[in-house]
Protein backbone atom coordinates (compact mmCIF):
# COMPACT_ATOMS: atom_id res chain seq x y z
CA MET A 1 -14.70 -21.90 -7.58
CA ILE A 2 -12.02 -18.82 -7.76
CA PHE A 3 -10.57 -19.91 -11.02
CA LYS A 4 -13.65 -19.42 -13.60
CA SER A 5 -11.68 -19.21 -16.70
CA SER A 6 -8.12 -19.16 -17.82
CA ALA A 7 -8.06 -15.28 -17.66
CA THR A 8 -8.65 -15.65 -14.04
CA LEU A 9 -5.94 -18.20 -13.58
CA ARG A 10 -3.53 -15.89 -15.44
CA GLY A 11 -4.78 -12.70 -13.50
CA GLY A 12 -4.19 -14.60 -10.23
CA LEU A 13 -0.66 -15.86 -11.25
CA MET A 14 0.35 -12.49 -12.37
CA LEU A 15 -1.17 -10.82 -9.27
CA ILE A 16 0.83 -13.31 -6.96
CA GLY A 17 4.11 -12.54 -8.98
CA SER A 18 3.45 -8.72 -8.24
CA MET A 19 2.91 -9.30 -4.78
CA SER A 20 6.38 -11.24 -4.49
CA VAL A 21 8.12 -8.47 -6.27
CA ILE A 22 6.59 -5.82 -3.75
CA GLY A 23 7.33 -8.05 -0.80
CA LEU A 24 10.81 -8.05 -1.82
CA VAL A 25 11.43 -4.37 -2.60
CA ASP A 26 9.65 -3.02 0.35
CA ASN A 27 12.25 -4.79 2.50
CA PHE A 28 14.59 -2.44 1.04
CA ILE A 29 13.22 0.61 2.86
CA ARG A 30 15.30 0.00 5.92
CA PHE A 31 18.44 0.30 3.73
CA ILE A 32 17.28 3.88 2.30
CA ALA A 33 15.88 4.73 5.84
CA ASP A 34 19.70 4.33 7.14
CA GLU A 35 20.90 6.95 4.42
CA GLY A 36 18.07 9.42 4.47
CA GLY A 37 14.37 10.60 5.32
CA VAL A 38 11.31 9.23 3.74
CA TRP A 39 10.51 12.88 2.35
CA GLN A 40 13.87 12.86 -0.02
CA PHE A 41 13.01 9.03 -0.81
CA TYR A 42 9.51 10.03 -2.06
CA LEU A 43 10.58 12.98 -3.90
CA MET A 44 13.62 11.24 -5.72
CA ARG A 45 11.64 8.06 -6.54
CA ALA A 46 8.94 10.18 -7.93
CA LEU A 47 11.23 11.98 -10.30
CA PHE A 48 12.67 8.58 -11.43
CA THR A 49 9.32 6.75 -11.85
CA CYS A 50 7.38 9.87 -13.46
CA LEU A 51 10.16 10.18 -16.00
CA LEU A 52 9.76 6.56 -17.03
CA ILE A 53 6.17 6.64 -17.11
CA SER A 54 6.16 10.11 -18.89
CA GLY A 55 8.90 8.48 -21.62
CA TYR A 56 6.52 5.70 -22.10
CA PHE A 57 3.56 7.86 -23.02
CA VAL A 58 5.65 9.88 -25.40
CA TYR A 59 6.93 6.43 -26.82
CA ARG A 60 3.28 5.14 -27.48
CA ARG A 61 2.15 8.66 -28.45
CA ARG A 62 -0.45 8.60 -25.80
CA GLN A 63 -1.61 11.63 -23.69
CA LEU A 64 -2.08 11.97 -20.04
CA ARG A 65 -5.60 12.82 -19.78
CA THR A 66 -8.13 12.52 -17.03
CA SER A 67 -11.93 12.56 -17.25
CA HIS A 68 -12.05 13.74 -13.40
CA PHE A 69 -9.19 15.51 -12.37
CA TRP A 70 -10.17 16.41 -8.81
CA TRP A 71 -11.37 12.89 -7.99
CA VAL A 72 -8.03 11.43 -9.49
CA THR A 73 -6.10 14.00 -7.55
CA LEU A 74 -7.95 12.82 -4.22
CA ARG A 75 -7.50 9.25 -5.08
CA SER A 76 -3.78 9.66 -5.71
CA THR A 77 -3.14 11.73 -2.50
CA LEU A 78 -5.01 9.27 -0.32
CA THR A 79 -3.14 6.32 -1.67
CA ALA A 80 0.14 7.82 -1.69
CA ALA A 81 -0.29 8.99 1.91
CA ALA A 82 -1.26 5.53 2.95
CA ILE A 83 1.97 4.16 1.36
CA LEU A 84 4.12 6.84 3.00
CA VAL A 85 2.58 5.98 6.42
CA TYR A 86 3.05 2.31 5.63
CA PHE A 87 6.61 3.03 4.70
CA ILE A 88 7.12 4.88 7.81
CA ALA A 89 5.75 2.01 9.74
CA ILE A 90 8.29 -0.35 8.14
CA SER A 91 11.05 1.64 9.62
CA PHE A 92 10.20 0.32 13.02
CA LEU A 93 8.03 -2.59 12.53
CA PRO A 94 8.40 -6.03 10.90
CA ILE A 95 7.24 -5.53 7.38
CA ALA A 96 4.96 -8.44 7.76
CA ILE A 97 2.90 -6.79 10.42
CA ALA A 98 2.94 -3.34 8.80
CA GLY A 99 1.72 -4.90 5.47
CA ALA A 100 -0.81 -7.17 7.47
CA ILE A 101 -2.61 -3.84 8.76
CA LEU A 102 -2.36 -2.04 5.28
CA PHE A 103 -4.05 -5.22 3.64
CA ALA A 104 -6.70 -5.16 6.22
CA SER A 105 -8.04 -2.37 4.17
CA PRO A 106 -10.99 -4.55 2.87
CA ILE A 107 -12.12 -4.32 6.21
CA PHE A 108 -12.08 -0.68 6.42
CA LEU A 109 -13.54 -0.16 2.88
CA LEU A 110 -16.76 -2.42 3.96
CA ILE A 111 -17.02 -0.01 7.00
CA PHE A 112 -16.96 3.24 4.66
CA SER A 113 -19.17 1.47 1.95
CA VAL A 114 -21.68 1.18 4.60
CA LEU A 115 -21.42 4.45 6.09
CA ILE A 116 -21.10 6.58 2.98
CA PHE A 117 -22.96 4.51 0.30
CA GLY A 118 -25.40 2.60 2.55
CA THR A 119 -24.12 -0.70 1.12
CA ARG A 120 -26.01 -3.50 2.80
CA ILE A 121 -24.26 -6.54 4.28
CA GLY A 122 -25.03 -9.94 5.59
CA GLY A 123 -24.25 -11.62 8.59
CA TRP A 124 -20.70 -13.24 6.94
CA ARG A 125 -19.23 -9.97 6.15
CA ILE A 126 -20.35 -8.63 9.62
CA LEU A 127 -18.46 -11.36 11.40
CA ALA A 128 -15.57 -10.82 9.04
CA VAL A 129 -15.17 -7.17 10.10
CA ILE A 130 -15.51 -8.04 13.95
CA SER A 131 -12.88 -10.87 13.30
CA GLY A 132 -10.80 -8.51 11.33
CA PHE A 133 -10.36 -6.11 14.06
CA VAL A 134 -9.72 -8.93 16.60
CA GLY A 135 -6.83 -9.78 14.13
CA ILE A 136 -5.52 -6.30 14.10
CA THR A 137 -5.45 -6.10 17.92
CA LEU A 138 -3.68 -9.20 18.02
CA VAL A 139 -0.91 -7.87 15.55
CA LEU A 140 -0.25 -4.55 17.12
CA LYS A 141 -0.76 -5.94 20.73
CA PRO A 142 -1.45 -2.54 22.10
CA ASP A 143 -0.14 -1.77 25.60
CA LEU A 144 -2.81 0.46 27.13
CA GLN A 145 -0.55 1.60 29.65
CA ASP A 146 1.75 2.68 27.14
CA LEU A 147 -0.21 3.67 24.22
CA SER A 148 1.43 6.00 21.64
CA ILE A 149 0.89 7.52 18.26
CA LEU A 150 3.24 4.75 16.79
CA THR A 151 0.68 2.07 17.81
CA LEU A 152 -1.90 3.62 15.34
CA VAL A 153 0.38 4.27 12.41
CA PRO A 154 -0.19 0.87 10.51
CA ALA A 155 -3.80 1.36 11.13
CA LEU A 156 -3.87 4.89 9.60
CA ALA A 157 -2.23 3.42 6.65
CA GLY A 158 -5.05 0.83 6.11
CA ILE A 159 -7.73 3.32 6.64
CA MET A 160 -6.50 5.79 4.03
CA TYR A 161 -5.72 2.93 1.69
CA ALA A 162 -9.34 1.95 1.90
CA LEU A 163 -10.48 5.35 1.25
CA GLY A 164 -8.24 5.42 -1.78
CA GLN A 165 -9.93 2.27 -3.22
CA LEU A 166 -13.34 3.57 -2.41
CA VAL A 167 -12.61 6.75 -4.41
CA THR A 168 -11.06 4.41 -7.13
CA ARG A 169 -14.16 2.02 -7.29
CA TYR A 170 -17.03 4.75 -7.23
CA LYS A 171 -15.36 7.87 -8.87
CA CYS A 172 -12.41 6.64 -10.94
CA ALA A 173 -13.40 3.29 -12.50
CA ASN A 174 -13.20 4.57 -15.99
CA GLU A 175 -9.91 6.15 -15.80
CA ASP A 176 -6.92 5.17 -17.79
CA THR A 177 -4.97 2.71 -15.37
CA LEU A 178 -1.69 4.43 -16.43
CA VAL A 179 -2.95 7.68 -15.88
CA LEU A 180 -3.76 6.56 -12.21
CA LEU A 181 -0.32 5.22 -12.05
CA PHE A 182 1.17 8.35 -12.95
CA GLY A 183 -1.04 10.26 -10.61
CA PHE A 184 -0.02 7.93 -7.78
CA PHE A 185 3.71 8.48 -8.28
CA LEU A 186 3.38 12.31 -8.83
CA ALA A 187 1.34 12.58 -5.72
CA THR A 188 4.29 10.87 -3.73
CA GLY A 189 6.67 13.36 -5.27
CA VAL A 190 4.32 16.35 -4.27
CA LEU A 191 4.13 14.96 -0.74
CA GLY A 192 7.88 14.25 -0.55
CA LEU A 193 8.63 17.86 -1.84
CA LEU A 194 6.25 19.37 0.75
CA GLY A 195 7.93 17.33 3.61
CA VAL A 196 11.47 18.32 2.41
CA VAL A 197 10.55 22.12 2.07
CA LEU A 198 8.89 22.03 5.71
CA LEU A 199 11.67 20.59 7.17
CA SER A 200 14.16 22.96 5.24
CA VAL A 201 12.09 26.12 6.30
CA PHE A 202 11.97 24.74 9.85
CA PRO A 203 15.04 22.96 10.53
CA SER A 204 14.16 22.70 14.39
CA LEU A 205 11.71 19.88 13.40
CA GLN A 206 14.75 17.76 12.13
CA GLY A 207 15.70 15.18 14.74
CA MET A 208 12.57 15.54 16.66
CA SER A 209 11.57 12.10 16.41
CA THR A 210 14.21 10.00 17.92
CA GLU A 211 12.17 6.90 17.60
CA VAL A 212 11.20 7.26 14.04
CA PRO A 213 14.08 9.35 12.35
CA PHE A 214 12.84 8.43 8.99
CA VAL A 215 10.24 10.89 9.32
CA SER A 216 12.31 13.93 10.85
CA THR A 217 15.13 13.75 8.38
CA GLY A 218 15.26 16.42 5.82
CA TRP A 219 17.41 16.87 2.64
CA VAL A 220 20.68 15.26 2.65
CA THR A 221 23.28 14.77 0.25
CA PRO A 222 22.40 11.55 -1.25
CA SER A 223 24.73 8.48 -0.96
CA GLY A 224 25.50 6.24 -3.42
CA LYS A 225 23.75 3.55 -1.24
CA PHE A 226 20.60 5.95 -0.97
CA LEU A 227 20.47 6.18 -4.93
CA PHE A 228 20.75 2.77 -5.50
CA TRP A 229 18.14 1.33 -3.23
CA THR A 230 15.87 4.05 -4.34
CA MET A 231 16.15 3.58 -8.21
CA ILE A 232 15.74 -0.38 -7.30
CA GLN A 233 12.61 -0.03 -5.14
CA GLY A 234 11.09 2.44 -7.91
CA ILE A 235 12.03 -0.14 -10.70
CA GLY A 236 10.55 -2.86 -8.62
CA SER A 237 7.40 -0.63 -7.76
CA LEU A 238 6.84 0.06 -11.34
CA ILE A 239 7.18 -3.54 -12.43
CA ALA A 240 4.81 -4.68 -9.64
CA VAL A 241 2.16 -2.11 -10.13
CA SER A 242 2.17 -2.75 -13.78
CA GLY A 243 1.66 -6.36 -13.25
CA LEU A 244 -1.44 -5.42 -10.84
CA ILE A 245 -2.92 -3.20 -13.41
CA ARG A 246 -2.57 -6.17 -16.28
CA ALA A 247 -3.81 -8.66 -13.65
CA TYR A 248 -6.99 -6.42 -13.18
CA GLN A 249 -7.54 -6.00 -16.80
CA ILE A 250 -7.46 -9.50 -18.13
CA ALA A 251 -9.43 -10.83 -14.98
CA GLU A 252 -12.40 -10.09 -12.81
CA PRO A 253 -11.36 -7.99 -9.96
CA THR A 254 -13.47 -9.78 -7.50
CA TYR A 255 -12.35 -13.06 -8.44
CA ILE A 256 -8.42 -12.43 -8.02
CA ALA A 257 -8.33 -9.59 -5.42
CA VAL A 258 -7.90 -12.46 -2.79
CA PHE A 259 -4.57 -13.02 -4.26
CA GLU A 260 -3.34 -9.86 -2.91
CA TYR A 261 -2.78 -11.24 0.48
CA SER A 262 0.06 -13.43 -0.91
CA PHE A 263 2.00 -10.10 -0.32
CA ILE A 264 2.14 -10.68 3.51
CA VAL A 265 3.52 -14.21 2.72
CA PHE A 266 6.32 -12.89 0.67
CA ALA A 267 7.27 -9.95 2.92
CA GLY A 268 7.26 -12.03 5.70
CA PHE A 269 9.67 -14.44 4.10
CA TRP A 270 11.97 -11.84 2.84
CA GLY A 271 11.88 -10.15 6.11
CA TRP A 272 13.05 -13.23 7.79
CA ILE A 273 15.83 -13.95 5.06
CA ILE A 274 17.13 -10.22 4.90
CA TRP A 275 16.25 -8.95 8.54
CA ASN A 276 16.08 -12.29 10.52
CA GLU A 277 12.31 -11.13 11.85
CA VAL A 278 10.48 -14.06 13.18
CA LEU A 279 6.86 -13.09 14.43
CA ASP A 280 5.49 -14.59 17.65
CA THR A 281 2.67 -17.01 17.71
CA ILE A 282 0.12 -13.89 18.62
CA ALA A 283 1.22 -12.09 15.60
CA VAL A 284 0.95 -14.94 13.14
CA THR A 285 -2.59 -15.78 14.64
CA GLY A 286 -3.71 -12.07 14.10
CA ILE A 287 -2.23 -12.09 10.48
CA ILE A 288 -4.26 -15.29 9.70
CA ILE A 289 -7.46 -13.67 11.21
CA ILE A 290 -6.90 -10.51 9.01
CA ILE A 291 -6.35 -12.59 5.94
CA THR A 292 -9.21 -14.72 6.51
CA ALA A 293 -11.56 -11.91 7.10
CA GLY A 294 -10.56 -10.23 3.98
CA VAL A 295 -11.10 -13.25 1.71
CA ILE A 296 -14.68 -13.73 3.24
CA ILE A 297 -15.38 -10.07 2.56
CA THR A 298 -14.08 -10.42 -1.08
CA VAL A 299 -15.76 -13.82 -1.94
CA ARG A 300 -19.02 -12.42 -0.46
CA ALA A 301 -18.65 -9.34 -2.33
CA ALA A 302 -18.25 -11.34 -5.46
CA LYS A 303 -21.26 -13.39 -4.79
CA SER A 304 -23.36 -10.30 -4.12
CA GLU A 305 -22.38 -9.08 -7.58
CA GLU A 306 -23.37 -12.44 -9.30
CA ALA A 307 -26.65 -12.19 -7.61
């Protein structure tokens, strides 16, 4: 049984609520991509969110203090880079497909756990990993005759997200969750600043990517539309991530993590409502396989911890 207590039920519902918000606000990235670049968006959203978080810490008279600065820095950088790549993918792929690959991270996480920490896994999880990669292949549908780096962009997001989770689990488990939240948004700001500076110093880089202009657009005078959607996306992200943190605080993570996959459903629903995106049968099949593989990995991990 997944619902072992009322706390698990509340945590699961809170997680589903958070995923519904993220699934909605991430669809707004395309509005932002029409007005500016991902680097400027990352920088300006970070300024806004970090200011709000800092204000909360001042109001609560709390200190931004970490016990393992470099591990928190690595964790923040990995997750910020993963979401950056995911946002880039959203600008040219249906959000349900980009999200499905991002949330294939349990598959990559299990592989890295085995390779780096020597975690032992049984037949069910081995089968889940193999099935997960089949699902990823069905979703991406790579054309071997016309293979490009764009095909691998969503998978790169999933890999970096998994590495960030690995650092969180083994090196940042005792850190203040709000400090980790601040670290994540701060890292997004640093990456955004680096991108803006690089494109300003080397203006020839701007416009180089005609397929994904969201990447090669430097600083532009922000329009009202850009500022509005950046603020909405930032507020939504803060609300959703705060809900995620609270969910994992009140319930056992291994029992509620499966509800994160509801994101793919909400993202696909809003992608259909807002952008009229309809996935073909092969992509839907791949997404179902990825979700099933992730659920199996999560459930088997929970049973291993109970043993």
